[in-house]
Amino acid sequence: MPTYEYCCATCGYDFEARQKFQDEPLTVCPKCGSALHKVFSSVGVVFKGSGFYSTDNHSSAKPAAHQPEKTEKASPAASETAAPAPAKTSS
């Protein structure tokens, strides 16, 4: 459940209330009965690492689509006709 901060327009009473998203916002100050308003502040989220900002290092060229490497298989005929390795002679 999110926590919302409220402030009274008349007495300045400041408080937080945990409410569901579906709940209506509070409108009456619990201290003096005057009108309340919701206080909005910055969110405490920090994005760290690469890839979050447009200023991150990006290559100027778009990367090519991933293509699997082609492996050439030796044909059976080529392996049969290959010359055998010379035999070692003892001296």
PDB file of N, CA and C in Angstrom:
ATOM      1  N   MET A   1       0.838  -1.170   0.000  1.00  0.00           N
ATOM      2  CA  MET A   1       0.000   0.000   0.000  1.00  0.00           C
ATOM      3  C   MET A   1       0.889   1.242   0.000  1.00  0.00           C
ATOM      4  N   PRO A   2       0.572   2.199  -0.858  1.00  0.00           N
ATOM      5  CA  PRO A   2       1.373   3.420  -0.900  1.00  0.00           C
ATOM      6  C   PRO A   2       1.081   4.340   0.289  1.00  0.00           C
ATOM      7  N   THR A   3       2.052   5.167   0.593  1.00  0.00           N
ATOM      8  CA  THR A   3       1.916   6.162   1.654  1.00  0.00           C
ATOM      9  C   THR A   3       1.804   7.538   1.012  1.00  0.00           C
ATOM     10  N   TYR A   4       0.785   8.289   1.404  1.00  0.00           N
ATOM     11  CA  TYR A   4       0.555   9.628   0.876  1.00  0.00           C
ATOM     12  C   TYR A   4       0.779  10.652   1.979  1.00  0.00           C
ATOM     13  N   GLU A   5       1.287  11.813   1.606  1.00  0.00           N
ATOM     14  CA  GLU A   5       1.506  12.881   2.568  1.00  0.00           C
ATOM     15  C   GLU A   5       0.439  13.945   2.367  1.00  0.00           C
ATOM     16  N   TYR A   6      -0.132  14.411   3.466  1.00  0.00           N
ATOM     17  CA  TYR A   6      -1.164  15.440   3.444  1.00  0.00           C
ATOM     18  C   TYR A   6      -0.728  16.612   4.315  1.00  0.00           C
ATOM     19  N   CYS A   7      -1.249  17.805   3.985  1.00  0.00           N
ATOM     20  CA  CYS A   7      -0.972  19.000   4.765  1.00  0.00           C
ATOM     21  C   CYS A   7      -2.261  19.808   4.881  1.00  0.00           C
ATOM     22  N   CYS A   8      -2.530  20.315   6.082  1.00  0.00           N
ATOM     23  CA  CYS A   8      -3.717  21.123   6.322  1.00  0.00           C
ATOM     24  C   CYS A   8      -3.459  22.539   5.813  1.00  0.00           C
ATOM     25  N   ALA A   9      -4.442  23.103   5.121  1.00  0.00           N
ATOM     26  CA  ALA A   9      -4.304  24.447   4.583  1.00  0.00           C
ATOM     27  C   ALA A   9      -4.407  25.504   5.674  1.00  0.00           C
ATOM     28  N   THR A  10      -5.078  25.186   6.779  1.00  0.00           N
ATOM     29  CA  THR A  10      -5.302  26.180   7.836  1.00  0.00           C
ATOM     30  C   THR A  10      -4.260  26.099   8.945  1.00  0.00           C
ATOM     31  N   CYS A  11      -4.147  24.927   9.597  1.00  0.00           N
ATOM     32  CA  CYS A  11      -3.260  24.821  10.767  1.00  0.00           C
ATOM     33  C   CYS A  11      -1.856  24.341  10.409  1.00  0.00           C
ATOM     34  N   GLY A  12      -1.641  23.872   9.186  1.00  0.00           N
ATOM     35  CA  GLY A  12      -0.311  23.432   8.768  1.00  0.00           C
ATOM     36  C   GLY A  12       0.062  22.039   9.241  1.00  0.00           C
ATOM     37  N   TYR A  13      -0.917  21.297   9.818  1.00  0.00           N
ATOM     38  CA  TYR A  13      -0.650  19.941  10.297  1.00  0.00           C
ATOM     39  C   TYR A  13      -0.224  19.074   9.119  1.00  0.00           C
ATOM     40  N   ASP A  14       0.918  18.411   9.260  1.00  0.00           N
ATOM     41  CA  ASP A  14       1.518  17.582   8.211  1.00  0.00           C
ATOM     42  C   ASP A  14       1.517  16.134   8.684  1.00  0.00           C
ATOM     43  N   PHE A  15       0.992  15.211   7.873  1.00  0.00           N
ATOM     44  CA  PHE A  15       0.982  13.802   8.275  1.00  0.00           C
ATOM     45  C   PHE A  15       0.972  12.905   7.049  1.00  0.00           C
ATOM     46  N   GLU A  16       1.242  11.635   7.282  1.00  0.00           N
ATOM     47  CA  GLU A  16       1.231  10.626   6.225  1.00  0.00           C
ATOM     48  C   GLU A  16       0.111   9.633   6.490  1.00  0.00           C
ATOM     49  N   ALA A  17      -0.474   9.113   5.408  1.00  0.00           N
ATOM     50  CA  ALA A  17      -1.542   8.128   5.522  1.00  0.00           C
ATOM     51  C   ALA A  17      -1.301   7.014   4.514  1.00  0.00           C
ATOM     52  N   ARG A  18      -1.416   5.777   4.976  1.00  0.00           N
ATOM     53  CA  ARG A  18      -1.317   4.622   4.070  1.00  0.00           C
ATOM     54  C   ARG A  18      -2.701   4.333   3.530  1.00  0.00           C
ATOM     55  N   GLN A  19      -2.833   4.362   2.209  1.00  0.00           N
ATOM     56  CA  GLN A  19      -4.125   4.169   1.571  1.00  0.00           C
ATOM     57  C   GLN A  19      -3.976   3.253   0.363  1.00  0.00           C
ATOM     58  N   LYS A  20      -5.050   2.571   0.032  1.00  0.00           N
ATOM     59  CA  LYS A  20      -5.087   1.766  -1.186  1.00  0.00           C
ATOM     60  C   LYS A  20      -5.239   2.695  -2.378  1.00  0.00           C
ATOM     61  N   PHE A  21      -4.920   2.202  -3.553  1.00  0.00           N
ATOM     62  CA  PHE A  21      -5.081   3.003  -4.762  1.00  0.00           C
ATOM     63  C   PHE A  21      -6.545   3.368  -4.981  1.00  0.00           C
ATOM     64  N   GLN A  22      -7.459   2.487  -4.602  1.00  0.00           N
ATOM     65  CA  GLN A  22      -8.883   2.700  -4.824  1.00  0.00           C
ATOM     66  C   GLN A  22      -9.490   3.693  -3.833  1.00  0.00           C
ATOM     67  N   ASP A  23      -8.830   3.954  -2.693  1.00  0.00           N
ATOM     68  CA  ASP A  23      -9.374   4.852  -1.679  1.00  0.00           C
ATOM     69  C   ASP A  23      -9.422   6.288  -2.183  1.00  0.00           C
ATOM     70  N   GLU A  24     -10.456   6.995  -1.763  1.00  0.00           N
ATOM     71  CA  GLU A  24     -10.569   8.422  -2.080  1.00  0.00           C
ATOM     72  C   GLU A  24      -9.549   9.194  -1.243  1.00  0.00           C
ATOM     73  N   PRO A  25      -8.999  10.293  -1.766  1.00  0.00           N
ATOM     74  CA  PRO A  25      -8.053  11.076  -0.970  1.00  0.00           C
ATOM     75  C   PRO A  25      -8.744  11.719   0.232  1.00  0.00           C
ATOM     76  N   LEU A  26      -7.979  11.911   1.297  1.00  0.00           N
ATOM     77  CA  LEU A  26      -8.526  12.557   2.490  1.00  0.00           C
ATOM     78  C   LEU A  26      -8.776  14.034   2.196  1.00  0.00           C
ATOM     79  N   THR A  27      -9.840  14.587   2.795  1.00  0.00           N
ATOM     80  CA  THR A  27     -10.197  15.984   2.524  1.00  0.00           C
ATOM     81  C   THR A  27     -10.336  16.823   3.790  1.00  0.00           C
ATOM     82  N   VAL A  28     -10.428  16.167   4.958  1.00  0.00           N
ATOM     83  CA  VAL A  28     -10.662  16.885   6.210  1.00  0.00           C
ATOM     84  C   VAL A  28      -9.489  16.649   7.163  1.00  0.00           C
ATOM     85  N   CYS A  29      -8.978  17.736   7.745  1.00  0.00           N
ATOM     86  CA  CYS A  29      -7.863  17.653   8.691  1.00  0.00           C
ATOM     87  C   CYS A  29      -8.332  16.976   9.975  1.00  0.00           C
ATOM     88  N   PRO A  30      -7.603  15.981  10.477  1.00  0.00           N
ATOM     89  CA  PRO A  30      -8.008  15.315  11.707  1.00  0.00           C
ATOM     90  C   PRO A  30      -7.829  16.199  12.959  1.00  0.00           C
ATOM     91  N   LYS A  31      -7.033  17.255  12.871  1.00  0.00           N
ATOM     92  CA  LYS A  31      -6.810  18.137  14.021  1.00  0.00           C
ATOM     93  C   LYS A  31      -7.841  19.254  14.111  1.00  0.00           C
ATOM     94  N   CYS A  32      -8.030  19.989  12.988  1.00  0.00           N
ATOM     95  CA  CYS A  32      -8.888  21.176  13.064  1.00  0.00           C
ATOM     96  C   CYS A  32     -10.147  21.097  12.203  1.00  0.00           C
ATOM     97  N   GLY A  33     -10.245  20.075  11.331  1.00  0.00           N
ATOM     98  CA  GLY A  33     -11.438  19.913  10.493  1.00  0.00           C
ATOM     99  C   GLY A  33     -11.432  20.744   9.227  1.00  0.00           C
ATOM    100  N   SER A  34     -10.347  21.444   8.933  1.00  0.00           N
ATOM    101  CA  SER A  34     -10.256  22.257   7.712  1.00  0.00           C
ATOM    102  C   SER A  34      -9.884  21.384   6.510  1.00  0.00           C
ATOM    103  N   ALA A  35      -9.736  22.033   5.376  1.00  0.00           N
ATOM    104  CA  ALA A  35      -9.430  21.332   4.127  1.00  0.00           C
ATOM    105  C   ALA A  35      -7.969  20.863   4.103  1.00  0.00           C
ATOM    106  N   LEU A  36      -7.771  19.689   3.548  1.00  0.00           N
ATOM    107  CA  LEU A  36      -6.434  19.112   3.362  1.00  0.00           C
ATOM    108  C   LEU A  36      -6.054  19.177   1.899  1.00  0.00           C
ATOM    109  N   HIS A  37      -4.779  19.157   1.648  1.00  0.00           N
ATOM    110  CA  HIS A  37      -4.319  18.955   0.278  1.00  0.00           C
ATOM    111  C   HIS A  37      -3.170  17.953   0.293  1.00  0.00           C
ATOM    112  N   LYS A  38      -3.073  17.199  -0.801  1.00  0.00           N
ATOM    113  CA  LYS A  38      -2.041  16.182  -0.941  1.00  0.00           C
ATOM    114  C   LYS A  38      -0.721  16.864  -1.284  1.00  0.00           C
ATOM    115  N   VAL A  39       0.349  16.417  -0.656  1.00  0.00           N
ATOM    116  CA  VAL A  39       1.676  16.965  -0.913  1.00  0.00           C
ATOM    117  C   VAL A  39       2.403  16.001  -1.852  1.00  0.00           C
ATOM    118  N   PHE A  40       2.904  16.537  -2.961  1.00  0.00           N
ATOM    119  CA  PHE A  40       3.626  15.718  -3.923  1.00  0.00           C
ATOM    120  C   PHE A  40       5.114  16.017  -3.807  1.00  0.00           C
ATOM    121  N   SER A  41       5.912  14.976  -3.775  1.00  0.00           N
ATOM    122  CA  SER A  41       7.362  15.143  -3.686  1.00  0.00           C
ATOM    123  C   SER A  41       8.030  14.196  -4.666  1.00  0.00           C
ATOM    124  N   SER A  42       9.342  14.342  -4.802  1.00  0.00           N
ATOM    125  CA  SER A  42      10.070  13.506  -5.758  1.00  0.00           C
ATOM    126  C   SER A  42      10.096  12.054  -5.284  1.00  0.00           C
ATOM    127  N   VAL A  43      10.213  11.170  -6.219  1.00  0.00           N
ATOM    128  CA  VAL A  43      10.231   9.739  -5.945  1.00  0.00           C
ATOM    129  C   VAL A  43      11.664   9.312  -5.660  1.00  0.00           C
ATOM    130  N   GLY A  44      11.846   8.436  -4.708  1.00  0.00           N
ATOM    131  CA  GLY A  44      13.178   7.992  -4.325  1.00  0.00           C
ATOM    132  C   GLY A  44      13.663   6.793  -5.109  1.00  0.00           C
ATOM    133  N   VAL A  45      13.704   6.902  -6.431  1.00  0.00           N
ATOM    134  CA  VAL A  45      14.183   5.811  -7.276  1.00  0.00           C
ATOM    135  C   VAL A  45      15.447   6.269  -7.976  1.00  0.00           C
ATOM    136  N   VAL A  46      16.474   5.446  -7.939  1.00  0.00           N
ATOM    137  CA  VAL A  46      17.731   5.773  -8.596  1.00  0.00           C
ATOM    138  C   VAL A  46      18.046   4.633  -9.567  1.00  0.00           C
ATOM    139  N   PHE A  47      18.255   4.991 -10.829  1.00  0.00           N
ATOM    140  CA  PHE A  47      18.626   4.001 -11.831  1.00  0.00           C
ATOM    141  C   PHE A  47      20.135   4.031 -11.990  1.00  0.00           C
ATOM    142  N   LYS A  48      20.774   2.913 -11.701  1.00  0.00           N
ATOM    143  CA  LYS A  48      22.224   2.833 -11.826  1.00  0.00           C
ATOM    144  C   LYS A  48      22.574   1.808 -12.893  1.00  0.00           C
ATOM    145  N   GLY A  49      23.696   1.993 -13.513  1.00  0.00           N
ATOM    146  CA  GLY A  49      24.154   1.059 -14.526  1.00  0.00           C
ATOM    147  C   GLY A  49      23.994   1.645 -15.914  1.00  0.00           C
ATOM    148  N   SER A  50      24.375   0.887 -16.895  1.00  0.00           N
ATOM    149  CA  SER A  50      24.307   1.382 -18.265  1.00  0.00           C
ATOM    150  C   SER A  50      22.951   1.055 -18.871  1.00  0.00           C
ATOM    151  N   GLY A  51      22.572   1.859 -19.834  1.00  0.00           N
ATOM    152  CA  GLY A  51      21.356   1.592 -20.576  1.00  0.00           C
ATOM    153  C   GLY A  51      20.149   2.386 -20.140  1.00  0.00           C
ATOM    154  N   PHE A  52      20.275   3.254 -19.121  1.00  0.00           N
ATOM    155  CA  PHE A  52      19.124   4.004 -18.644  1.00  0.00           C
ATOM    156  C   PHE A  52      19.029   5.406 -19.240  1.00  0.00           C
ATOM    157  N   TYR A  53      20.126   5.928 -19.736  1.00  0.00           N
ATOM    158  CA  TYR A  53      20.139   7.308 -20.201  1.00  0.00           C
ATOM    159  C   TYR A  53      20.558   7.381 -21.658  1.00  0.00           C
ATOM    160  N   SER A  54      20.081   8.402 -22.353  1.00  0.00           N
ATOM    161  CA  SER A  54      20.449   8.562 -23.757  1.00  0.00           C
ATOM    162  C   SER A  54      21.908   8.974 -23.900  1.00  0.00           C
ATOM    163  N   THR A  55      22.535   9.418 -22.816  1.00  0.00           N
ATOM    164  CA  THR A  55      23.933   9.831 -22.877  1.00  0.00           C
ATOM    165  C   THR A  55      24.901   8.670 -22.653  1.00  0.00           C
ATOM    166  N   ASP A  56      24.375   7.486 -22.418  1.00  0.00           N
ATOM    167  CA  ASP A  56      25.252   6.328 -22.256  1.00  0.00           C
ATOM    168  C   ASP A  56      26.000   6.077 -23.555  1.00  0.00           C
ATOM    169  N   ASN A  57      27.126   5.394 -23.441  1.00  0.00           N
ATOM    170  CA  ASN A  57      27.925   5.105 -24.635  1.00  0.00           C
ATOM    171  C   ASN A  57      27.177   4.147 -25.555  1.00  0.00           C
ATOM    172  N   HIS A  58      26.893   4.629 -26.711  1.00  0.00           N
ATOM    173  CA  HIS A  58      26.258   3.812 -27.745  1.00  0.00           C
ATOM    174  C   HIS A  58      27.106   3.934 -28.999  1.00  0.00           C
ATOM    175  N   SER A  59      27.214   2.852 -29.749  1.00  0.00           N
ATOM    176  CA  SER A  59      27.943   2.948 -31.009  1.00  0.00           C
ATOM    177  C   SER A  59      27.090   3.721 -31.994  1.00  0.00           C
ATOM    178  N   SER A  60      27.726   4.460 -32.877  1.00  0.00           N
ATOM    179  CA  SER A  60      26.973   5.289 -33.820  1.00  0.00           C
ATOM    180  C   SER A  60      26.251   4.432 -34.854  1.00  0.00           C
ATOM    181  N   ALA A  61      26.830   3.300 -35.203  1.00  0.00           N
ATOM    182  CA  ALA A  61      26.181   2.411 -36.161  1.00  0.00           C
ATOM    183  C   ALA A  61      25.316   1.410 -35.416  1.00  0.00           C
ATOM    184  N   LYS A  62      24.211   1.098 -36.022  1.00  0.00           N
ATOM    185  CA  LYS A  62      23.345   0.101 -35.399  1.00  0.00           C
ATOM    186  C   LYS A  62      23.981  -1.274 -35.562  1.00  0.00           C
ATOM    187  N   PRO A  63      23.919  -2.105 -34.538  1.00  0.00           N
ATOM    188  CA  PRO A  63      24.512  -3.434 -34.654  1.00  0.00           C
ATOM    189  C   PRO A  63      23.749  -4.281 -35.663  1.00  0.00           C
ATOM    190  N   ALA A  64      24.501  -5.098 -36.385  1.00  0.00           N
ATOM    191  CA  ALA A  64      23.877  -5.982 -37.369  1.00  0.00           C
ATOM    192  C   ALA A  64      23.089  -7.054 -36.647  1.00  0.00           C
ATOM    193  N   ALA A  65      22.085  -7.553 -37.325  1.00  0.00           N
ATOM    194  CA  ALA A  65      21.273  -8.617 -36.729  1.00  0.00           C
ATOM    195  C   ALA A  65      22.155  -9.832 -36.483  1.00  0.00           C
ATOM    196  N   HIS A  66      21.874 -10.530 -35.415  1.00  0.00           N
ATOM    197  CA  HIS A  66      22.673 -11.702 -35.060  1.00  0.00           C
ATOM    198  C   HIS A  66      22.506 -12.774 -36.123  1.00  0.00           C
ATOM    199  N   GLN A  67      23.633 -13.189 -36.683  1.00  0.00           N
ATOM    200  CA  GLN A  67      23.620 -14.245 -37.674  1.00  0.00           C
ATOM    201  C   GLN A  67      24.520 -15.365 -37.173  1.00  0.00           C
ATOM    202  N   PRO A  68      24.020 -16.587 -37.158  1.00  0.00           N
ATOM    203  CA  PRO A  68      24.848 -17.694 -36.687  1.00  0.00           C
ATOM    204  C   PRO A  68      26.044 -17.902 -37.616  1.00  0.00           C
ATOM    205  N   GLU A  69      27.159 -18.300 -37.033  1.00  0.00           N
ATOM    206  CA  GLU A  69      28.357 -18.541 -37.832  1.00  0.00           C
ATOM    207  C   GLU A  69      28.163 -19.774 -38.700  1.00  0.00           C
ATOM    208  N   LYS A  70      28.674 -19.676 -39.919  1.00  0.00           N
ATOM    209  CA  LYS A  70      28.584 -20.820 -40.821  1.00  0.00           C
ATOM    210  C   LYS A  70      29.836 -21.661 -40.630  1.00  0.00           C
ATOM    211  N   THR A  71      29.641 -22.932 -40.402  1.00  0.00           N
ATOM    212  CA  THR A  71      30.776 -23.840 -40.272  1.00  0.00           C
ATOM    213  C   THR A  71      30.805 -24.718 -41.506  1.00  0.00           C
ATOM    214  N   GLU A  72      31.989 -24.790 -42.097  1.00  0.00           N
ATOM    215  CA  GLU A  72      32.118 -25.609 -43.294  1.00  0.00           C
ATOM    216  C   GLU A  72      32.544 -27.008 -42.876  1.00  0.00           C
ATOM    217  N   LYS A  73      31.811 -27.950 -43.361  1.00  0.00           N
ATOM    218  CA  LYS A  73      32.146 -29.339 -43.080  1.00  0.00           C
ATOM    219  C   LYS A  73      33.028 -29.856 -44.206  1.00  0.00           C
ATOM    220  N   ALA A  74      34.036 -30.594 -43.834  1.00  0.00           N
ATOM    221  CA  ALA A  74      34.903 -31.191 -44.848  1.00  0.00           C
ATOM    222  C   ALA A  74      34.135 -32.314 -45.522  1.00  0.00           C
ATOM    223  N   SER A  75      34.193 -32.326 -46.814  1.00  0.00           N
ATOM    224  CA  SER A  75      33.480 -33.383 -47.542  1.00  0.00           C
ATOM    225  C   SER A  75      34.245 -34.694 -47.373  1.00  0.00           C
ATOM    226  N   PRO A  76      33.532 -35.818 -47.370  1.00  0.00           N
ATOM    227  CA  PRO A  76      34.209 -37.104 -47.203  1.00  0.00           C
ATOM    228  C   PRO A  76      35.240 -37.359 -48.299  1.00  0.00           C
ATOM    229  N   ALA A  77      34.990 -36.877 -49.499  1.00  0.00           N
ATOM    230  CA  ALA A  77      35.921 -37.099 -50.602  1.00  0.00           C
ATOM    231  C   ALA A  77      37.233 -36.366 -50.340  1.00  0.00           C
ATOM    232  N   ALA A  78      37.172 -35.193 -49.756  1.00  0.00           N
ATOM    233  CA  ALA A  78      38.384 -34.421 -49.507  1.00  0.00           C
ATOM    234  C   ALA A  78      39.255 -35.109 -48.461  1.00  0.00           C
ATOM    235  N   SER A  79      38.643 -35.721 -47.453  1.00  0.00           N
ATOM    236  CA  SER A  79      39.452 -36.371 -46.428  1.00  0.00           C
ATOM    237  C   SER A  79      40.066 -37.662 -46.952  1.00  0.00           C
ATOM    238  N   GLU A  80      39.441 -38.313 -47.910  1.00  0.00           N
ATOM    239  CA  GLU A  80      39.990 -39.553 -48.463  1.00  0.00           C
ATOM    240  C   GLU A  80      41.165 -39.272 -49.369  1.00  0.00           C
ATOM    241  N   THR A  81      41.145 -38.128 -50.053  1.00  0.00           N
ATOM    242  CA  THR A  81      42.203 -37.845 -51.012  1.00  0.00           C
ATOM    243  C   THR A  81      43.364 -37.094 -50.378  1.00  0.00           C
ATOM    244  N   ALA A  82      43.263 -36.710 -49.148  1.00  0.00           N
ATOM    245  CA  ALA A  82      44.342 -35.978 -48.505  1.00  0.00           C
ATOM    246  C   ALA A  82      45.537 -36.909 -48.338  1.00  0.00           C
ATOM    247  N   ALA A  83      46.718 -36.344 -48.537  1.00  0.00           N
ATOM    248  CA  ALA A  83      47.931 -37.142 -48.432  1.00  0.00           C
ATOM    249  C   ALA A  83      48.199 -37.462 -46.972  1.00  0.00           C
ATOM    250  N   PRO A  84      48.654 -38.706 -46.719  1.00  0.00           N
ATOM    251  CA  PRO A  84      48.968 -39.065 -45.328  1.00  0.00           C
ATOM    252  C   PRO A  84      50.214 -38.319 -44.865  1.00  0.00           C
ATOM    253  N   ALA A  85      50.332 -38.138 -43.567  1.00  0.00           N
ATOM    254  CA  ALA A  85      51.488 -37.456 -43.014  1.00  0.00           C
ATOM    255  C   ALA A  85      52.723 -38.302 -43.227  1.00  0.00           C
ATOM    256  N   PRO A  86      53.868 -37.674 -43.521  1.00  0.00           N
ATOM    257  CA  PRO A  86      55.074 -38.460 -43.747  1.00  0.00           C
ATOM    258  C   PRO A  86      55.501 -39.171 -42.462  1.00  0.00           C
ATOM    259  N   ALA A  87      56.022 -40.367 -42.611  1.00  0.00           N
ATOM    260  CA  ALA A  87      56.453 -41.160 -41.466  1.00  0.00           C
ATOM    261  C   ALA A  87      57.805 -40.640 -40.988  1.00  0.00           C
ATOM    262  N   LYS A  88      58.016 -40.717 -39.694  1.00  0.00           N
ATOM    263  CA  LYS A  88      59.281 -40.262 -39.137  1.00  0.00           C
ATOM    264  C   LYS A  88      60.324 -41.359 -39.360  1.00  0.00           C
ATOM    265  N   THR A  89      61.481 -40.921 -39.715  1.00  0.00           N
ATOM    266  CA  THR A  89      62.580 -41.884 -39.878  1.00  0.00           C
ATOM    267  C   THR A  89      63.564 -41.705 -38.745  1.00  0.00           C
ATOM    268  N   SER A  90      64.064 -42.775 -38.261  1.00  0.00           N
ATOM    269  CA  SER A  90      65.019 -42.662 -37.180  1.00  0.00           C
ATOM    270  C   SER A  90      66.425 -42.471 -37.766  1.00  0.00           C
ATOM    271  N   SER A  91      67.209 -41.634 -37.176  1.00  0.00           N
ATOM    272  CA  SER A  91      68.537 -41.377 -37.688  1.00  0.00           C
ATOM    273  C   SER A  91      69.590 -41.984 -36.818  1.00  0.00           C
TER     274      SER A  91
END
